[in-house]
Amino acid sequence: MSSTTTASSNELSQRLDPIVQRYQGKKGITIPLLADIQKEYGYVAEEAVTYVSKKMDISASEMFGVATFYAMFRLQPEGKYVIRICRGTACHVQGSASVAEEVARHLGIEEGETTEDGIFTLQHVACLGCCSLAPVMMVGDNVHGLLTPPKSIEILEDYRKKG
């Protein structure tokens, strides 16, 4: 075993053994176990599932089956800024589809994807509850309203400059 592999195993152990100990010997724990892995890594990391599945005697395929069934689990890390574009009725009527198309085109990603630089993840959501500002997008925790396609790109470029 190489020192790189050993260091990686040590890191996995340090990060995941407390989670394993929390659920050891309990039944019906796959969803909370995956939620804790996602909380620790920011997503359901493959190496974490492999490590925990061996420790908990749960097959990795069962864990990935659950992780891929529920929309709350992510199998890829999110970008620094998650962009949520509203698809609610008010936003749709005010042109959110053209904003979404321009954002996707500008960033070169589709819904659910993250830019190669890891800065942005694009998501479409049912409603952000800001109908008076339609069309709306959130970047992180910040709401941006009364968007046009060019305005949405200006906003995203401001975030990109922040890094």
N, C-alpha and C. Protein backbone atom coordinates (compact mmCIF):
# COMPACT_ATOMS: atom_id res chain seq x y z
N MET A 1 0.84 -1.17 0.00
CA MET A 1 0.00 0.00 0.00
C MET A 1 0.89 1.24 0.00
N SER A 2 0.62 2.17 -0.86
CA SER A 2 1.44 3.36 -0.96
C SER A 2 1.09 4.33 0.16
N SER A 3 2.01 5.30 0.40
CA SER A 3 1.74 6.28 1.45
C SER A 3 0.56 7.17 1.08
N THR A 4 0.35 7.41 -0.24
CA THR A 4 -0.79 8.20 -0.68
C THR A 4 -2.09 7.50 -0.32
N THR A 5 -2.14 6.18 -0.55
CA THR A 5 -3.33 5.43 -0.23
C THR A 5 -3.55 5.40 1.27
N THR A 6 -2.45 5.24 2.04
CA THR A 6 -2.57 5.23 3.49
C THR A 6 -3.09 6.57 4.00
N ALA A 7 -2.53 7.67 3.48
CA ALA A 7 -3.01 8.99 3.90
C ALA A 7 -4.48 9.14 3.57
N SER A 8 -4.88 8.68 2.40
CA SER A 8 -6.27 8.77 1.99
C SER A 8 -7.16 7.95 2.93
N SER A 9 -6.69 6.74 3.28
CA SER A 9 -7.46 5.90 4.21
C SER A 9 -7.56 6.55 5.57
N ASN A 10 -6.46 7.19 6.01
CA ASN A 10 -6.51 7.91 7.29
C ASN A 10 -7.50 9.06 7.26
N GLU A 11 -7.50 9.80 6.13
CA GLU A 11 -8.44 10.90 6.01
C GLU A 11 -9.88 10.39 6.02
N LEU A 12 -10.11 9.32 5.27
CA LEU A 12 -11.46 8.73 5.26
C LEU A 12 -11.87 8.31 6.66
N SER A 13 -10.95 7.67 7.36
CA SER A 13 -11.24 7.21 8.71
C SER A 13 -11.57 8.37 9.64
N GLN A 14 -10.77 9.43 9.57
CA GLN A 14 -11.01 10.59 10.44
C GLN A 14 -12.36 11.24 10.17
N ARG A 15 -12.71 11.33 8.91
CA ARG A 15 -13.95 12.02 8.55
C ARG A 15 -15.18 11.14 8.70
N LEU A 16 -15.01 9.83 8.47
CA LEU A 16 -16.20 8.98 8.39
C LEU A 16 -16.44 8.09 9.60
N ASP A 17 -15.40 7.77 10.37
CA ASP A 17 -15.62 6.89 11.52
C ASP A 17 -16.62 7.45 12.53
N PRO A 18 -16.62 8.75 12.79
CA PRO A 18 -17.68 9.26 13.70
C PRO A 18 -19.09 9.02 13.15
N ILE A 19 -19.23 9.11 11.85
CA ILE A 19 -20.54 8.85 11.22
C ILE A 19 -20.89 7.38 11.36
N VAL A 20 -19.92 6.51 11.07
CA VAL A 20 -20.14 5.07 11.18
C VAL A 20 -20.53 4.71 12.61
N GLN A 21 -19.83 5.26 13.59
CA GLN A 21 -20.12 4.95 15.00
C GLN A 21 -21.53 5.38 15.39
N ARG A 22 -21.99 6.48 14.81
CA ARG A 22 -23.32 7.00 15.11
C ARG A 22 -24.43 6.01 14.70
N TYR A 23 -24.19 5.26 13.63
CA TYR A 23 -25.24 4.39 13.08
C TYR A 23 -24.95 2.89 13.26
N GLN A 24 -23.81 2.54 13.82
CA GLN A 24 -23.42 1.14 13.97
C GLN A 24 -24.51 0.36 14.71
N GLY A 25 -24.92 -0.77 14.12
CA GLY A 25 -25.88 -1.66 14.77
C GLY A 25 -27.33 -1.25 14.63
N LYS A 26 -27.60 -0.15 13.94
CA LYS A 26 -28.98 0.32 13.78
C LYS A 26 -29.51 -0.11 12.42
N LYS A 27 -30.80 -0.24 12.29
CA LYS A 27 -31.45 -0.65 11.04
C LYS A 27 -32.13 0.55 10.39
N GLY A 28 -32.32 0.46 9.08
CA GLY A 28 -33.05 1.50 8.37
C GLY A 28 -32.35 2.85 8.40
N ILE A 29 -31.04 2.82 8.28
CA ILE A 29 -30.27 4.06 8.47
C ILE A 29 -29.64 4.58 7.16
N THR A 30 -29.97 3.97 6.05
CA THR A 30 -29.29 4.34 4.80
C THR A 30 -29.48 5.82 4.46
N ILE A 31 -30.69 6.33 4.56
CA ILE A 31 -30.93 7.73 4.19
C ILE A 31 -30.20 8.69 5.14
N PRO A 32 -30.35 8.55 6.46
CA PRO A 32 -29.59 9.48 7.33
C PRO A 32 -28.07 9.30 7.20
N LEU A 33 -27.63 8.08 6.93
CA LEU A 33 -26.20 7.84 6.73
C LEU A 33 -25.70 8.59 5.49
N LEU A 34 -26.45 8.49 4.40
CA LEU A 34 -26.08 9.22 3.19
C LEU A 34 -26.15 10.74 3.41
N ALA A 35 -27.14 11.17 4.17
CA ALA A 35 -27.27 12.61 4.46
C ALA A 35 -26.05 13.11 5.23
N ASP A 36 -25.57 12.30 6.16
CA ASP A 36 -24.37 12.70 6.92
C ASP A 36 -23.12 12.69 6.05
N ILE A 37 -23.02 11.74 5.15
CA ILE A 37 -21.88 11.73 4.21
C ILE A 37 -21.93 12.99 3.35
N GLN A 38 -23.12 13.33 2.86
CA GLN A 38 -23.26 14.53 2.03
C GLN A 38 -22.94 15.79 2.83
N LYS A 39 -23.32 15.81 4.08
CA LYS A 39 -23.02 16.96 4.93
C LYS A 39 -21.51 17.08 5.14
N GLU A 40 -20.83 15.96 5.28
CA GLU A 40 -19.39 15.97 5.51
C GLU A 40 -18.61 16.39 4.27
N TYR A 41 -19.02 15.89 3.09
CA TYR A 41 -18.27 16.13 1.86
C TYR A 41 -18.90 17.20 0.95
N GLY A 42 -20.14 17.54 1.19
CA GLY A 42 -20.83 18.46 0.30
C GLY A 42 -21.54 17.73 -0.82
N TYR A 43 -21.32 16.42 -0.91
CA TYR A 43 -22.00 15.55 -1.87
C TYR A 43 -21.74 14.11 -1.42
N VAL A 44 -22.38 13.16 -2.09
CA VAL A 44 -22.19 11.76 -1.75
C VAL A 44 -20.98 11.26 -2.55
N ALA A 45 -19.84 11.35 -1.91
CA ALA A 45 -18.58 11.00 -2.57
C ALA A 45 -18.45 9.47 -2.70
N GLU A 46 -18.02 9.02 -3.87
CA GLU A 46 -17.91 7.59 -4.13
C GLU A 46 -16.98 6.90 -3.13
N GLU A 47 -15.82 7.51 -2.85
CA GLU A 47 -14.89 6.87 -1.92
C GLU A 47 -15.47 6.78 -0.51
N ALA A 48 -16.30 7.73 -0.14
CA ALA A 48 -16.94 7.70 1.18
C ALA A 48 -17.96 6.57 1.25
N VAL A 49 -18.75 6.40 0.18
CA VAL A 49 -19.73 5.32 0.16
C VAL A 49 -19.01 3.97 0.21
N THR A 50 -17.94 3.83 -0.54
CA THR A 50 -17.19 2.57 -0.54
C THR A 50 -16.66 2.27 0.87
N TYR A 51 -16.09 3.27 1.52
CA TYR A 51 -15.54 3.10 2.87
C TYR A 51 -16.65 2.73 3.86
N VAL A 52 -17.73 3.49 3.86
CA VAL A 52 -18.82 3.27 4.82
C VAL A 52 -19.53 1.96 4.55
N SER A 53 -19.69 1.60 3.30
CA SER A 53 -20.39 0.34 3.00
C SER A 53 -19.65 -0.86 3.58
N LYS A 54 -18.33 -0.82 3.53
CA LYS A 54 -17.54 -1.91 4.12
C LYS A 54 -17.67 -1.92 5.64
N LYS A 55 -17.62 -0.75 6.25
CA LYS A 55 -17.72 -0.65 7.71
C LYS A 55 -19.10 -1.04 8.23
N MET A 56 -20.15 -0.73 7.45
CA MET A 56 -21.52 -0.95 7.91
C MET A 56 -22.12 -2.24 7.37
N ASP A 57 -21.38 -2.95 6.51
CA ASP A 57 -21.89 -4.16 5.88
C ASP A 57 -23.19 -3.90 5.11
N ILE A 58 -23.19 -2.78 4.41
CA ILE A 58 -24.27 -2.44 3.48
C ILE A 58 -23.61 -2.35 2.11
N SER A 59 -24.20 -2.96 1.11
CA SER A 59 -23.55 -2.93 -0.20
C SER A 59 -23.51 -1.50 -0.75
N ALA A 60 -22.42 -1.20 -1.42
CA ALA A 60 -22.29 0.12 -2.05
C ALA A 60 -23.38 0.33 -3.09
N SER A 61 -23.75 -0.75 -3.79
CA SER A 61 -24.80 -0.61 -4.81
C SER A 61 -26.13 -0.24 -4.17
N GLU A 62 -26.42 -0.79 -2.98
CA GLU A 62 -27.65 -0.41 -2.28
C GLU A 62 -27.60 1.07 -1.89
N MET A 63 -26.44 1.50 -1.40
CA MET A 63 -26.33 2.90 -0.99
C MET A 63 -26.44 3.84 -2.19
N PHE A 64 -25.81 3.48 -3.29
CA PHE A 64 -25.93 4.32 -4.49
C PHE A 64 -27.35 4.27 -5.05
N GLY A 65 -28.02 3.11 -4.91
CA GLY A 65 -29.42 3.01 -5.34
C GLY A 65 -30.30 4.00 -4.62
N VAL A 66 -30.10 4.12 -3.33
CA VAL A 66 -30.88 5.08 -2.53
C VAL A 66 -30.46 6.51 -2.91
N ALA A 67 -29.16 6.73 -3.03
CA ALA A 67 -28.66 8.08 -3.33
C ALA A 67 -29.16 8.58 -4.68
N THR A 68 -29.29 7.69 -5.65
CA THR A 68 -29.74 8.12 -6.97
C THR A 68 -31.27 8.22 -7.05
N PHE A 69 -31.98 7.58 -6.13
CA PHE A 69 -33.44 7.64 -6.13
C PHE A 69 -33.94 8.98 -5.62
N TYR A 70 -33.32 9.49 -4.58
CA TYR A 70 -33.79 10.72 -3.94
C TYR A 70 -33.07 11.95 -4.50
N ALA A 71 -33.88 12.95 -4.87
CA ALA A 71 -33.31 14.16 -5.47
C ALA A 71 -32.47 14.97 -4.49
N MET A 72 -32.64 14.72 -3.20
CA MET A 72 -31.89 15.50 -2.21
C MET A 72 -30.41 15.15 -2.16
N PHE A 73 -30.04 14.03 -2.77
CA PHE A 73 -28.64 13.63 -2.75
C PHE A 73 -27.94 14.05 -4.04
N ARG A 74 -26.71 14.54 -3.88
CA ARG A 74 -25.89 14.95 -5.02
C ARG A 74 -24.71 14.00 -5.14
N LEU A 75 -24.44 13.54 -6.34
CA LEU A 75 -23.30 12.65 -6.56
C LEU A 75 -22.08 13.41 -7.06
N GLN A 76 -22.24 14.69 -7.30
CA GLN A 76 -21.14 15.54 -7.74
C GLN A 76 -21.08 16.76 -6.82
N PRO A 77 -19.90 17.29 -6.59
CA PRO A 77 -19.82 18.49 -5.76
C PRO A 77 -20.49 19.68 -6.44
N GLU A 78 -21.07 20.55 -5.62
CA GLU A 78 -21.66 21.77 -6.16
C GLU A 78 -20.60 22.84 -6.32
N GLY A 79 -20.90 23.81 -7.16
CA GLY A 79 -20.00 24.93 -7.35
C GLY A 79 -20.03 25.86 -6.13
N LYS A 80 -19.11 26.81 -6.13
CA LYS A 80 -19.07 27.78 -5.03
C LYS A 80 -20.39 28.53 -4.93
N TYR A 81 -20.96 28.87 -6.08
CA TYR A 81 -22.25 29.56 -6.12
C TYR A 81 -23.27 28.67 -6.83
N VAL A 82 -24.38 28.40 -6.14
CA VAL A 82 -25.47 27.66 -6.76
C VAL A 82 -26.47 28.68 -7.29
N ILE A 83 -26.73 28.60 -8.58
CA ILE A 83 -27.68 29.49 -9.24
C ILE A 83 -29.02 28.76 -9.31
N ARG A 84 -30.05 29.35 -8.72
CA ARG A 84 -31.39 28.77 -8.78
C ARG A 84 -32.28 29.70 -9.60
N ILE A 85 -32.71 29.22 -10.74
CA ILE A 85 -33.56 30.03 -11.61
C ILE A 85 -35.00 29.56 -11.43
N CYS A 86 -35.87 30.51 -11.13
CA CYS A 86 -37.27 30.21 -10.84
C CYS A 86 -38.04 29.85 -12.11
N ARG A 87 -38.84 28.79 -12.00
CA ARG A 87 -39.72 28.38 -13.09
C ARG A 87 -41.18 28.58 -12.74
N GLY A 88 -41.45 29.34 -11.69
CA GLY A 88 -42.84 29.57 -11.28
C GLY A 88 -43.62 30.31 -12.37
N THR A 89 -44.92 30.35 -12.19
CA THR A 89 -45.79 30.94 -13.21
C THR A 89 -45.44 32.39 -13.50
N ALA A 90 -45.30 33.20 -12.45
CA ALA A 90 -44.99 34.63 -12.66
C ALA A 90 -43.66 34.78 -13.39
N CYS A 91 -42.67 34.02 -12.99
CA CYS A 91 -41.36 34.11 -13.65
C CYS A 91 -41.44 33.62 -15.09
N HIS A 92 -42.18 32.53 -15.29
CA HIS A 92 -42.33 32.01 -16.65
C HIS A 92 -42.97 33.06 -17.57
N VAL A 93 -44.04 33.68 -17.09
CA VAL A 93 -44.74 34.69 -17.89
C VAL A 93 -43.82 35.88 -18.19
N GLN A 94 -42.93 36.21 -17.25
CA GLN A 94 -42.03 37.36 -17.42
C GLN A 94 -40.72 37.00 -18.13
N GLY A 95 -40.57 35.78 -18.60
CA GLY A 95 -39.42 35.45 -19.44
C GLY A 95 -38.28 34.69 -18.78
N SER A 96 -38.56 33.93 -17.74
CA SER A 96 -37.48 33.19 -17.08
C SER A 96 -36.84 32.15 -18.00
N ALA A 97 -37.58 31.64 -18.96
CA ALA A 97 -37.00 30.64 -19.86
C ALA A 97 -35.86 31.25 -20.67
N SER A 98 -36.03 32.48 -21.14
CA SER A 98 -34.95 33.11 -21.91
C SER A 98 -33.77 33.46 -21.02
N VAL A 99 -34.03 33.80 -19.76
CA VAL A 99 -32.94 34.04 -18.81
C VAL A 99 -32.18 32.73 -18.59
N ALA A 100 -32.92 31.65 -18.36
CA ALA A 100 -32.28 30.35 -18.11
C ALA A 100 -31.45 29.90 -19.31
N GLU A 101 -32.00 30.08 -20.51
CA GLU A 101 -31.25 29.70 -21.73
C GLU A 101 -29.96 30.50 -21.85
N GLU A 102 -30.03 31.79 -21.58
CA GLU A 102 -28.84 32.63 -21.71
C GLU A 102 -27.79 32.27 -20.65
N VAL A 103 -28.24 32.01 -19.43
CA VAL A 103 -27.31 31.62 -18.37
C VAL A 103 -26.63 30.30 -18.74
N ALA A 104 -27.41 29.32 -19.18
CA ALA A 104 -26.84 28.02 -19.55
C ALA A 104 -25.86 28.18 -20.71
N ARG A 105 -26.24 28.98 -21.71
CA ARG A 105 -25.37 29.19 -22.87
C ARG A 105 -24.08 29.88 -22.44
N HIS A 106 -24.21 30.92 -21.63
CA HIS A 106 -23.03 31.69 -21.19
C HIS A 106 -22.07 30.83 -20.37
N LEU A 107 -22.62 30.02 -19.48
CA LEU A 107 -21.77 29.20 -18.60
C LEU A 107 -21.32 27.90 -19.26
N GLY A 108 -22.01 27.51 -20.33
CA GLY A 108 -21.66 26.26 -21.02
C GLY A 108 -22.05 25.02 -20.24
N ILE A 109 -23.11 25.13 -19.45
CA ILE A 109 -23.59 23.99 -18.67
C ILE A 109 -25.11 23.87 -18.80
N GLU A 110 -25.61 22.70 -18.46
CA GLU A 110 -27.05 22.47 -18.42
C GLU A 110 -27.50 22.41 -16.97
N GLU A 111 -28.80 22.32 -16.78
CA GLU A 111 -29.36 22.21 -15.45
C GLU A 111 -28.73 21.05 -14.69
N GLY A 112 -28.34 21.31 -13.46
CA GLY A 112 -27.75 20.27 -12.61
C GLY A 112 -26.25 20.14 -12.76
N GLU A 113 -25.66 20.85 -13.70
CA GLU A 113 -24.21 20.75 -13.93
C GLU A 113 -23.46 21.89 -13.25
N THR A 114 -22.17 21.67 -13.11
CA THR A 114 -21.27 22.66 -12.50
C THR A 114 -20.23 23.05 -13.54
N THR A 115 -19.88 24.33 -13.55
CA THR A 115 -18.86 24.79 -14.50
C THR A 115 -17.52 24.12 -14.19
N GLU A 116 -16.68 24.01 -15.20
CA GLU A 116 -15.38 23.33 -15.03
C GLU A 116 -14.53 23.99 -13.96
N ASP A 117 -14.66 25.31 -13.80
CA ASP A 117 -13.86 26.00 -12.78
C ASP A 117 -14.44 25.84 -11.38
N GLY A 118 -15.58 25.17 -11.27
CA GLY A 118 -16.18 24.90 -9.96
C GLY A 118 -16.83 26.11 -9.33
N ILE A 119 -17.07 27.16 -10.09
CA ILE A 119 -17.65 28.37 -9.50
C ILE A 119 -19.19 28.31 -9.46
N PHE A 120 -19.81 27.83 -10.54
CA PHE A 120 -21.26 27.87 -10.62
C PHE A 120 -21.87 26.48 -10.83
N THR A 121 -23.00 26.24 -10.13
CA THR A 121 -23.86 25.10 -10.40
C THR A 121 -25.22 25.67 -10.77
N LEU A 122 -25.82 25.15 -11.81
CA LEU A 122 -27.10 25.67 -12.31
C LEU A 122 -28.25 24.74 -11.93
N GLN A 123 -29.27 25.31 -11.31
CA GLN A 123 -30.47 24.55 -10.96
C GLN A 123 -31.70 25.35 -11.34
N HIS A 124 -32.74 24.63 -11.72
CA HIS A 124 -34.04 25.25 -11.95
C HIS A 124 -34.94 24.81 -10.81
N VAL A 125 -35.70 25.73 -10.26
CA VAL A 125 -36.56 25.41 -9.13
C VAL A 125 -38.00 25.78 -9.45
N ALA A 126 -38.95 25.15 -8.76
CA ALA A 126 -40.37 25.35 -9.04
C ALA A 126 -40.81 26.77 -8.72
N CYS A 127 -40.40 27.31 -7.59
CA CYS A 127 -40.79 28.67 -7.22
C CYS A 127 -39.88 29.17 -6.11
N LEU A 128 -39.43 30.40 -6.23
CA LEU A 128 -38.61 31.01 -5.19
C LEU A 128 -39.43 31.92 -4.29
N GLY A 129 -40.71 32.12 -4.63
CA GLY A 129 -41.59 32.91 -3.78
C GLY A 129 -41.34 34.41 -3.86
N CYS A 130 -40.79 34.87 -4.96
CA CYS A 130 -40.50 36.30 -5.13
C CYS A 130 -41.22 36.81 -6.39
N CYS A 131 -42.49 36.50 -6.51
CA CYS A 131 -43.23 36.73 -7.74
C CYS A 131 -43.25 38.20 -8.16
N SER A 132 -43.24 39.13 -7.22
CA SER A 132 -43.28 40.55 -7.58
C SER A 132 -41.99 41.01 -8.25
N LEU A 133 -40.94 40.20 -8.16
CA LEU A 133 -39.66 40.54 -8.79
C LEU A 133 -39.39 39.72 -10.05
N ALA A 134 -40.39 39.01 -10.53
CA ALA A 134 -40.21 38.09 -11.65
C ALA A 134 -39.67 38.78 -12.90
N PRO A 135 -38.78 38.09 -13.62
CA PRO A 135 -38.18 36.78 -13.36
C PRO A 135 -37.02 36.89 -12.36
N VAL A 136 -36.84 35.83 -11.58
CA VAL A 136 -35.93 35.85 -10.44
C VAL A 136 -34.94 34.69 -10.52
N MET A 137 -33.74 34.96 -10.02
CA MET A 137 -32.79 33.87 -9.77
C MET A 137 -32.11 34.16 -8.44
N MET A 138 -31.69 33.09 -7.78
CA MET A 138 -30.88 33.22 -6.57
C MET A 138 -29.48 32.77 -6.91
N VAL A 139 -28.51 33.48 -6.39
CA VAL A 139 -27.12 33.07 -6.50
C VAL A 139 -26.64 32.96 -5.05
N GLY A 140 -26.41 31.74 -4.63
CA GLY A 140 -26.15 31.51 -3.20
C GLY A 140 -27.41 31.87 -2.44
N ASP A 141 -27.31 32.78 -1.48
CA ASP A 141 -28.47 33.20 -0.69
C ASP A 141 -29.05 34.53 -1.16
N ASN A 142 -28.53 35.08 -2.24
CA ASN A 142 -28.95 36.40 -2.72
C ASN A 142 -29.96 36.29 -3.85
N VAL A 143 -31.05 37.05 -3.73
CA VAL A 143 -32.10 37.07 -4.75
C VAL A 143 -31.83 38.21 -5.71
N HIS A 144 -31.95 37.92 -7.00
CA HIS A 144 -31.81 38.93 -8.04
C HIS A 144 -33.07 38.89 -8.89
N GLY A 145 -33.75 40.04 -8.99
CA GLY A 145 -35.03 40.06 -9.69
C GLY A 145 -35.08 41.03 -10.84
N LEU A 146 -36.25 41.03 -11.48
CA LEU A 146 -36.51 41.85 -12.66
C LEU A 146 -35.40 41.64 -13.70
N LEU A 147 -35.10 40.38 -13.92
CA LEU A 147 -33.98 40.02 -14.79
C LEU A 147 -34.31 40.12 -16.26
N THR A 148 -33.29 40.37 -17.01
CA THR A 148 -33.29 40.18 -18.46
C THR A 148 -32.10 39.25 -18.72
N PRO A 149 -32.04 38.64 -19.87
CA PRO A 149 -30.88 37.78 -20.13
C PRO A 149 -29.54 38.52 -19.97
N PRO A 150 -29.36 39.72 -20.54
CA PRO A 150 -28.07 40.41 -20.33
C PRO A 150 -27.80 40.77 -18.87
N LYS A 151 -28.84 41.18 -18.14
CA LYS A 151 -28.66 41.53 -16.72
C LYS A 151 -28.22 40.31 -15.92
N SER A 152 -28.78 39.15 -16.23
CA SER A 152 -28.40 37.93 -15.49
C SER A 152 -26.93 37.61 -15.71
N ILE A 153 -26.44 37.84 -16.92
CA ILE A 153 -25.02 37.56 -17.21
C ILE A 153 -24.13 38.56 -16.47
N GLU A 154 -24.52 39.82 -16.44
CA GLU A 154 -23.75 40.83 -15.69
C GLU A 154 -23.64 40.44 -14.22
N ILE A 155 -24.74 39.97 -13.65
CA ILE A 155 -24.74 39.56 -12.24
C ILE A 155 -23.78 38.39 -12.03
N LEU A 156 -23.85 37.41 -12.92
CA LEU A 156 -22.97 36.24 -12.76
C LEU A 156 -21.51 36.61 -12.93
N GLU A 157 -21.23 37.52 -13.83
CA GLU A 157 -19.83 37.94 -14.02
C GLU A 157 -19.32 38.70 -12.79
N ASP A 158 -20.21 39.42 -12.09
CA ASP A 158 -19.80 40.06 -10.83
C ASP A 158 -19.39 39.01 -9.81
N TYR A 159 -20.16 37.91 -9.75
CA TYR A 159 -19.79 36.81 -8.83
C TYR A 159 -18.48 36.17 -9.26
N ARG A 160 -18.30 36.00 -10.55
CA ARG A 160 -17.06 35.37 -11.03
C ARG A 160 -15.84 36.22 -10.64
N LYS A 161 -15.99 37.56 -10.72
CA LYS A 161 -14.88 38.45 -10.33
C LYS A 161 -14.54 38.31 -8.85
N LYS A 162 -15.56 38.02 -8.03
CA LYS A 162 -15.32 37.82 -6.60
C LYS A 162 -14.55 36.53 -6.35
N GLY A 163 -14.67 35.62 -7.31
CA GLY A 163 -13.96 34.33 -7.18
C GLY A 163 -14.68 33.32 -6.37
